[in-house]
Amino acid sequence: MGFGYDHSSQNYKIVLVLKMYGRRSRSSQALVLSLKSGASRMIDCLCLENFDMVHDRISGTRVGESIFWQLSDENVKVTDKLLSFDLVSETFNLCPCPSNGGKGFPQVIEGLRGGGLSTVGVDDMSGGLVVWSAQHDGGGGIK
Protein backbone atom coordinates (compact mmCIF):
# COMPACT_ATOMS: atom_id res chain seq x y z
CA MET A 1 0.00 0.00 0.00
CA GLY A 2 1.11 3.55 -0.61
CA PHE A 3 -0.28 6.98 0.18
CA GLY A 4 0.69 10.31 -1.32
CA TYR A 5 -0.32 13.73 -2.58
CA ASP A 6 -0.63 14.74 -6.24
CA HIS A 7 0.04 18.50 -6.33
CA SER A 8 -1.14 18.82 -9.94
CA SER A 9 -4.70 17.79 -9.05
CA GLN A 10 -4.53 18.75 -5.36
CA ASN A 11 -5.58 15.20 -4.53
CA TYR A 12 -4.53 12.56 -2.03
CA LYS A 13 -4.27 9.04 -3.45
CA ILE A 14 -4.10 5.56 -1.96
CA VAL A 15 -2.38 2.83 -4.01
CA LEU A 16 -3.04 -0.85 -3.25
CA VAL A 17 -0.87 -3.30 -5.19
CA LEU A 18 -2.62 -6.64 -5.73
CA LYS A 19 -0.94 -9.90 -6.79
CA MET A 20 -3.07 -12.61 -8.37
CA TYR A 21 -1.76 -16.13 -8.83
CA GLY A 22 -3.14 -18.67 -11.30
CA ARG A 23 -2.10 -22.20 -12.13
CA ARG A 24 0.51 -21.17 -14.65
CA SER A 25 0.61 -17.42 -14.39
CA ARG A 26 0.59 -14.50 -12.05
CA SER A 27 -0.40 -10.94 -12.64
CA SER A 28 -0.38 -7.70 -10.73
CA GLN A 29 -2.75 -4.80 -10.69
CA ALA A 30 -3.08 -1.76 -8.51
CA LEU A 31 -6.17 -0.10 -7.19
CA VAL A 32 -5.72 3.69 -7.19
CA LEU A 33 -8.22 5.51 -5.00
CA SER A 34 -8.70 9.28 -5.28
CA LEU A 35 -9.70 10.75 -1.93
CA LYS A 36 -10.85 14.02 -3.52
CA SER A 37 -13.48 12.46 -5.79
CA GLY A 38 -13.87 9.04 -4.21
CA ALA A 39 -13.25 7.47 -7.62
CA SER A 40 -11.06 4.42 -8.03
CA ARG A 41 -9.54 2.62 -10.96
CA MET A 42 -7.56 -0.55 -11.59
CA ILE A 43 -4.31 -0.31 -13.53
CA ASP A 44 -1.96 -3.07 -14.67
CA CYS A 45 1.40 -3.33 -12.99
CA LEU A 46 3.45 -5.27 -15.52
CA CYS A 47 6.65 -4.41 -13.64
CA LEU A 48 5.79 -6.96 -10.95
CA GLU A 49 5.38 -10.03 -13.16
CA ASN A 50 8.82 -11.36 -12.15
CA PHE A 51 9.06 -9.80 -8.68
CA ASP A 52 7.27 -9.66 -5.35
CA MET A 53 7.14 -6.85 -2.85
CA VAL A 54 9.51 -7.41 0.07
CA HIS A 55 7.31 -5.95 2.79
CA ASP A 56 3.70 -6.63 1.81
CA ARG A 57 2.39 -5.12 5.01
CA ILE A 58 4.59 -2.04 5.14
CA SER A 59 3.56 1.08 3.26
CA GLY A 60 5.63 2.36 0.36
CA THR A 61 7.96 5.29 0.90
CA ARG A 62 6.86 8.59 -0.65
CA VAL A 63 9.51 10.85 -2.13
CA GLY A 64 8.21 13.89 -4.00
CA GLU A 65 5.24 12.71 -6.04
CA SER A 66 6.36 9.07 -6.24
CA ILE A 67 5.99 6.07 -3.96
CA PHE A 68 8.75 3.44 -3.76
CA TRP A 69 8.70 -0.22 -2.68
CA GLN A 70 11.46 -2.84 -2.37
CA LEU A 71 11.24 -5.94 -4.53
CA SER A 72 12.31 -9.55 -4.05
CA ASP A 73 12.87 -12.32 -6.56
CA GLU A 74 11.30 -15.81 -6.61
CA ASN A 75 13.85 -16.92 -3.97
CA VAL A 76 12.68 -14.12 -1.64
CA LYS A 77 16.01 -12.29 -1.98
CA VAL A 78 16.02 -8.52 -2.10
CA THR A 79 16.75 -7.39 -5.66
CA ASP A 80 18.63 -4.42 -7.11
CA LYS A 81 15.34 -2.86 -8.22
CA LEU A 82 12.76 -0.62 -6.60
CA LEU A 83 9.18 -0.31 -7.81
CA SER A 84 8.05 3.29 -8.19
CA PHE A 85 4.58 4.70 -8.72
CA ASP A 86 4.20 8.24 -10.08
CA LEU A 87 1.20 9.86 -8.38
CA VAL A 88 0.65 12.37 -11.22
CA SER A 89 0.81 10.07 -14.27
CA GLU A 90 -0.35 6.99 -12.30
CA THR A 91 2.34 4.80 -13.87
CA PHE A 92 4.72 2.20 -12.46
CA ASN A 93 8.44 1.95 -13.22
CA LEU A 94 11.40 -0.14 -12.09
CA CYS A 95 14.29 1.88 -10.69
CA PRO A 96 17.85 0.68 -10.02
CA CYS A 97 19.22 0.48 -6.51
CA PRO A 98 22.42 -1.10 -5.18
CA SER A 99 22.91 -4.84 -5.53
CA ASN A 100 23.05 -6.71 -2.26
CA GLY A 101 25.29 -9.38 -3.74
CA GLY A 102 22.53 -11.98 -3.35
CA LYS A 103 22.69 -11.80 0.43
CA GLY A 104 19.05 -10.82 0.78
CA PHE A 105 19.63 -8.56 3.77
CA PRO A 106 16.55 -6.69 4.96
CA GLN A 107 16.56 -3.05 4.04
CA VAL A 108 14.62 0.00 5.08
CA ILE A 109 13.72 2.62 2.47
CA GLU A 110 13.59 6.21 3.68
CA GLY A 111 12.82 9.47 1.95
CA LEU A 112 15.41 12.17 2.52
CA ARG A 113 14.87 15.88 2.89
CA GLY A 114 15.10 17.58 -0.49
CA GLY A 115 13.68 14.63 -2.45
CA GLY A 116 16.37 11.99 -1.97
CA LEU A 117 15.95 8.29 -1.32
CA SER A 118 18.03 6.05 0.92
CA THR A 119 18.20 2.35 1.79
CA VAL A 120 19.81 0.99 4.93
CA GLY A 121 20.53 -2.68 5.62
CA VAL A 122 22.78 -4.97 7.62
CA ASP A 123 25.30 -7.21 5.86
CA ASP A 124 24.73 -10.76 7.17
CA MET A 125 28.39 -11.71 6.75
CA SER A 126 30.15 -8.76 8.38
CA GLY A 127 27.38 -7.27 10.49
CA GLY A 128 28.19 -3.87 9.00
CA LEU A 129 25.67 -1.31 7.84
CA VAL A 130 25.10 -0.91 4.12
CA VAL A 131 23.84 2.59 3.30
CA TRP A 132 22.91 3.87 -0.16
CA SER A 133 21.30 7.14 -1.24
CA ALA A 134 20.20 8.73 -4.50
CA GLN A 135 18.48 11.87 -5.65
CA HIS A 136 14.92 11.79 -6.98
CA ASP A 137 14.90 12.85 -10.65
CA GLY A 138 11.43 14.43 -10.51
CA GLY A 139 10.04 12.03 -13.11
CA GLY A 140 9.18 8.96 -11.08
CA GLY A 141 12.74 7.62 -10.99
CA ILE A 142 16.00 8.02 -9.17
CA LYS A 143 19.51 8.88 -10.28
C-alpha atoms as a PDB file:
ATOM      1  CA  MET A   1       0.000   0.000   0.000  1.00  0.00           C
ATOM      2  CA  GLY A   2       1.108   3.546  -0.605  1.00  0.00           C
ATOM      3  CA  PHE A   3      -0.282   6.978   0.177  1.00  0.00           C
ATOM      4  CA  GLY A   4       0.687  10.312  -1.315  1.00  0.00           C
ATOM      5  CA  TYR A   5      -0.320  13.731  -2.580  1.00  0.00           C
ATOM      6  CA  ASP A   6      -0.626  14.744  -6.235  1.00  0.00           C
ATOM      7  CA  HIS A   7       0.037  18.495  -6.333  1.00  0.00           C
ATOM      8  CA  SER A   8      -1.144  18.817  -9.942  1.00  0.00           C
ATOM      9  CA  SER A   9      -4.700  17.790  -9.048  1.00  0.00           C
ATOM     10  CA  GLN A  10      -4.529  18.745  -5.357  1.00  0.00           C
ATOM     11  CA  ASN A  11      -5.581  15.204  -4.528  1.00  0.00           C
ATOM     12  CA  TYR A  12      -4.532  12.557  -2.025  1.00  0.00           C
ATOM     13  CA  LYS A  13      -4.274   9.036  -3.447  1.00  0.00           C
ATOM     14  CA  ILE A  14      -4.099   5.558  -1.960  1.00  0.00           C
ATOM     15  CA  VAL A  15      -2.382   2.834  -4.011  1.00  0.00           C
ATOM     16  CA  LEU A  16      -3.038  -0.845  -3.246  1.00  0.00           C
ATOM     17  CA  VAL A  17      -0.870  -3.300  -5.189  1.00  0.00           C
ATOM     18  CA  LEU A  18      -2.622  -6.635  -5.731  1.00  0.00           C
ATOM     19  CA  LYS A  19      -0.939  -9.900  -6.786  1.00  0.00           C
ATOM     20  CA  MET A  20      -3.067 -12.605  -8.371  1.00  0.00           C
ATOM     21  CA  TYR A  21      -1.763 -16.134  -8.834  1.00  0.00           C
ATOM     22  CA  GLY A  22      -3.142 -18.666 -11.304  1.00  0.00           C
ATOM     23  CA  ARG A  23      -2.102 -22.205 -12.126  1.00  0.00           C
ATOM     24  CA  ARG A  24       0.512 -21.167 -14.652  1.00  0.00           C
ATOM     25  CA  SER A  25       0.615 -17.422 -14.394  1.00  0.00           C
ATOM     26  CA  ARG A  26       0.588 -14.503 -12.052  1.00  0.00           C
ATOM     27  CA  SER A  27      -0.401 -10.938 -12.640  1.00  0.00           C
ATOM     28  CA  SER A  28      -0.380  -7.699 -10.734  1.00  0.00           C
ATOM     29  CA  GLN A  29      -2.746  -4.801 -10.687  1.00  0.00           C
ATOM     30  CA  ALA A  30      -3.079  -1.759  -8.515  1.00  0.00           C
ATOM     31  CA  LEU A  31      -6.171  -0.099  -7.192  1.00  0.00           C
ATOM     32  CA  VAL A  32      -5.719   3.686  -7.188  1.00  0.00           C
ATOM     33  CA  LEU A  33      -8.220   5.511  -5.003  1.00  0.00           C
ATOM     34  CA  SER A  34      -8.702   9.277  -5.282  1.00  0.00           C
ATOM     35  CA  LEU A  35      -9.700  10.751  -1.926  1.00  0.00           C
ATOM     36  CA  LYS A  36     -10.852  14.023  -3.519  1.00  0.00           C
ATOM     37  CA  SER A  37     -13.476  12.461  -5.789  1.00  0.00           C
ATOM     38  CA  GLY A  38     -13.871   9.042  -4.206  1.00  0.00           C
ATOM     39  CA  ALA A  39     -13.255   7.472  -7.617  1.00  0.00           C
ATOM     40  CA  SER A  40     -11.063   4.420  -8.027  1.00  0.00           C
ATOM     41  CA  ARG A  41      -9.544   2.622 -10.961  1.00  0.00           C
ATOM     42  CA  MET A  42      -7.560  -0.555 -11.585  1.00  0.00           C
ATOM     43  CA  ILE A  43      -4.305  -0.311 -13.526  1.00  0.00           C
ATOM     44  CA  ASP A  44      -1.959  -3.067 -14.669  1.00  0.00           C
ATOM     45  CA  CYS A  45       1.401  -3.328 -12.986  1.00  0.00           C
ATOM     46  CA  LEU A  46       3.445  -5.274 -15.517  1.00  0.00           C
ATOM     47  CA  CYS A  47       6.653  -4.408 -13.642  1.00  0.00           C
ATOM     48  CA  LEU A  48       5.788  -6.961 -10.950  1.00  0.00           C
ATOM     49  CA  GLU A  49       5.379 -10.031 -13.162  1.00  0.00           C
ATOM     50  CA  ASN A  50       8.823 -11.356 -12.151  1.00  0.00           C
ATOM     51  CA  PHE A  51       9.065  -9.797  -8.679  1.00  0.00           C
ATOM     52  CA  ASP A  52       7.271  -9.659  -5.354  1.00  0.00           C
ATOM     53  CA  MET A  53       7.138  -6.849  -2.854  1.00  0.00           C
ATOM     54  CA  VAL A  54       9.508  -7.407   0.068  1.00  0.00           C
ATOM     55  CA  HIS A  55       7.310  -5.946   2.787  1.00  0.00           C
ATOM     56  CA  ASP A  56       3.702  -6.628   1.806  1.00  0.00           C
ATOM     57  CA  ARG A  57       2.391  -5.124   5.014  1.00  0.00           C
ATOM     58  CA  ILE A  58       4.592  -2.040   5.142  1.00  0.00           C
ATOM     59  CA  SER A  59       3.557   1.078   3.255  1.00  0.00           C
ATOM     60  CA  GLY A  60       5.631   2.355   0.364  1.00  0.00           C
ATOM     61  CA  THR A  61       7.962   5.291   0.904  1.00  0.00           C
ATOM     62  CA  ARG A  62       6.857   8.585  -0.645  1.00  0.00           C
ATOM     63  CA  VAL A  63       9.508  10.848  -2.130  1.00  0.00           C
ATOM     64  CA  GLY A  64       8.211  13.891  -4.004  1.00  0.00           C
ATOM     65  CA  GLU A  65       5.242  12.707  -6.041  1.00  0.00           C
ATOM     66  CA  SER A  66       6.364   9.068  -6.243  1.00  0.00           C
ATOM     67  CA  ILE A  67       5.985   6.072  -3.955  1.00  0.00           C
ATOM     68  CA  PHE A  68       8.749   3.436  -3.760  1.00  0.00           C
ATOM     69  CA  TRP A  69       8.698  -0.224  -2.681  1.00  0.00           C
ATOM     70  CA  GLN A  70      11.455  -2.842  -2.370  1.00  0.00           C
ATOM     71  CA  LEU A  71      11.238  -5.942  -4.526  1.00  0.00           C
ATOM     72  CA  SER A  72      12.307  -9.548  -4.047  1.00  0.00           C
ATOM     73  CA  ASP A  73      12.868 -12.325  -6.562  1.00  0.00           C
ATOM     74  CA  GLU A  74      11.303 -15.813  -6.609  1.00  0.00           C
ATOM     75  CA  ASN A  75      13.854 -16.920  -3.966  1.00  0.00           C
ATOM     76  CA  VAL A  76      12.676 -14.121  -1.640  1.00  0.00           C
ATOM     77  CA  LYS A  77      16.010 -12.293  -1.976  1.00  0.00           C
ATOM     78  CA  VAL A  78      16.024  -8.520  -2.100  1.00  0.00           C
ATOM     79  CA  THR A  79      16.751  -7.385  -5.665  1.00  0.00           C
ATOM     80  CA  ASP A  80      18.633  -4.424  -7.110  1.00  0.00           C
ATOM     81  CA  LYS A  81      15.341  -2.863  -8.216  1.00  0.00           C
ATOM     82  CA  LEU A  82      12.759  -0.623  -6.596  1.00  0.00           C
ATOM     83  CA  LEU A  83       9.183  -0.311  -7.814  1.00  0.00           C
ATOM     84  CA  SER A  84       8.047   3.293  -8.185  1.00  0.00           C
ATOM     85  CA  PHE A  85       4.579   4.703  -8.720  1.00  0.00           C
ATOM     86  CA  ASP A  86       4.205   8.242 -10.082  1.00  0.00           C
ATOM     87  CA  LEU A  87       1.195   9.857  -8.379  1.00  0.00           C
ATOM     88  CA  VAL A  88       0.651  12.369 -11.221  1.00  0.00           C
ATOM     89  CA  SER A  89       0.807  10.074 -14.269  1.00  0.00           C
ATOM     90  CA  GLU A  90      -0.345   6.986 -12.304  1.00  0.00           C
ATOM     91  CA  THR A  91       2.337   4.800 -13.869  1.00  0.00           C
ATOM     92  CA  PHE A  92       4.716   2.195 -12.464  1.00  0.00           C
ATOM     93  CA  ASN A  93       8.443   1.948 -13.222  1.00  0.00           C
ATOM     94  CA  LEU A  94      11.401  -0.143 -12.090  1.00  0.00           C
ATOM     95  CA  CYS A  95      14.292   1.883 -10.687  1.00  0.00           C
ATOM     96  CA  PRO A  96      17.848   0.679 -10.024  1.00  0.00           C
ATOM     97  CA  CYS A  97      19.221   0.483  -6.505  1.00  0.00           C
ATOM     98  CA  PRO A  98      22.421  -1.095  -5.182  1.00  0.00           C
ATOM     99  CA  SER A  99      22.915  -4.837  -5.528  1.00  0.00           C
ATOM    100  CA  ASN A 100      23.047  -6.707  -2.263  1.00  0.00           C
ATOM    101  CA  GLY A 101      25.287  -9.385  -3.744  1.00  0.00           C
ATOM    102  CA  GLY A 102      22.533 -11.982  -3.354  1.00  0.00           C
ATOM    103  CA  LYS A 103      22.689 -11.803   0.435  1.00  0.00           C
ATOM    104  CA  GLY A 104      19.049 -10.817   0.783  1.00  0.00           C
ATOM    105  CA  PHE A 105      19.634  -8.561   3.770  1.00  0.00           C
ATOM    106  CA  PRO A 106      16.553  -6.686   4.960  1.00  0.00           C
ATOM    107  CA  GLN A 107      16.562  -3.048   4.042  1.00  0.00           C
ATOM    108  CA  VAL A 108      14.619   0.004   5.078  1.00  0.00           C
ATOM    109  CA  ILE A 109      13.721   2.624   2.468  1.00  0.00           C
ATOM    110  CA  GLU A 110      13.587   6.211   3.679  1.00  0.00           C
ATOM    111  CA  GLY A 111      12.815   9.473   1.952  1.00  0.00           C
ATOM    112  CA  LEU A 112      15.409  12.173   2.517  1.00  0.00           C
ATOM    113  CA  ARG A 113      14.875  15.877   2.892  1.00  0.00           C
ATOM    114  CA  GLY A 114      15.100  17.576  -0.489  1.00  0.00           C
ATOM    115  CA  GLY A 115      13.684  14.632  -2.448  1.00  0.00           C
ATOM    116  CA  GLY A 116      16.374  11.995  -1.968  1.00  0.00           C
ATOM    117  CA  LEU A 117      15.948   8.289  -1.318  1.00  0.00           C
ATOM    118  CA  SER A 118      18.032   6.049   0.921  1.00  0.00           C
ATOM    119  CA  THR A 119      18.201   2.352   1.791  1.00  0.00           C
ATOM    120  CA  VAL A 120      19.810   0.991   4.928  1.00  0.00           C
ATOM    121  CA  GLY A 121      20.535  -2.682   5.619  1.00  0.00           C
ATOM    122  CA  VAL A 122      22.776  -4.969   7.625  1.00  0.00           C
ATOM    123  CA  ASP A 123      25.296  -7.210   5.857  1.00  0.00           C
ATOM    124  CA  ASP A 124      24.734 -10.762   7.172  1.00  0.00           C
ATOM    125  CA  MET A 125      28.390 -11.709   6.753  1.00  0.00           C
ATOM    126  CA  SER A 126      30.153  -8.763   8.380  1.00  0.00           C
ATOM    127  CA  GLY A 127      27.376  -7.274  10.495  1.00  0.00           C
ATOM    128  CA  GLY A 128      28.192  -3.871   9.002  1.00  0.00           C
ATOM    129  CA  LEU A 129      25.672  -1.310   7.845  1.00  0.00           C
ATOM    130  CA  VAL A 130      25.102  -0.913   4.122  1.00  0.00           C
ATOM    131  CA  VAL A 131      23.837   2.593   3.303  1.00  0.00           C
ATOM    132  CA  TRP A 132      22.910   3.875  -0.163  1.00  0.00           C
ATOM    133  CA  SER A 133      21.304   7.136  -1.240  1.00  0.00           C
ATOM    134  CA  ALA A 134      20.201   8.725  -4.495  1.00  0.00           C
ATOM    135  CA  GLN A 135      18.485  11.868  -5.648  1.00  0.00           C
ATOM    136  CA  HIS A 136      14.920  11.785  -6.976  1.00  0.00           C
ATOM    137  CA  ASP A 137      14.899  12.850 -10.647  1.00  0.00           C
ATOM    138  CA  GLY A 138      11.434  14.432 -10.512  1.00  0.00           C
ATOM    139  CA  GLY A 139      10.038  12.034 -13.108  1.00  0.00           C
ATOM    140  CA  GLY A 140       9.177   8.956 -11.083  1.00  0.00           C
ATOM    141  CA  GLY A 141      12.741   7.619 -10.988  1.00  0.00           C
ATOM    142  CA  ILE A 142      16.001   8.016  -9.167  1.00  0.00           C
ATOM    143  CA  LYS A 143      19.507   8.876 -10.281  1.00  0.00           C
END
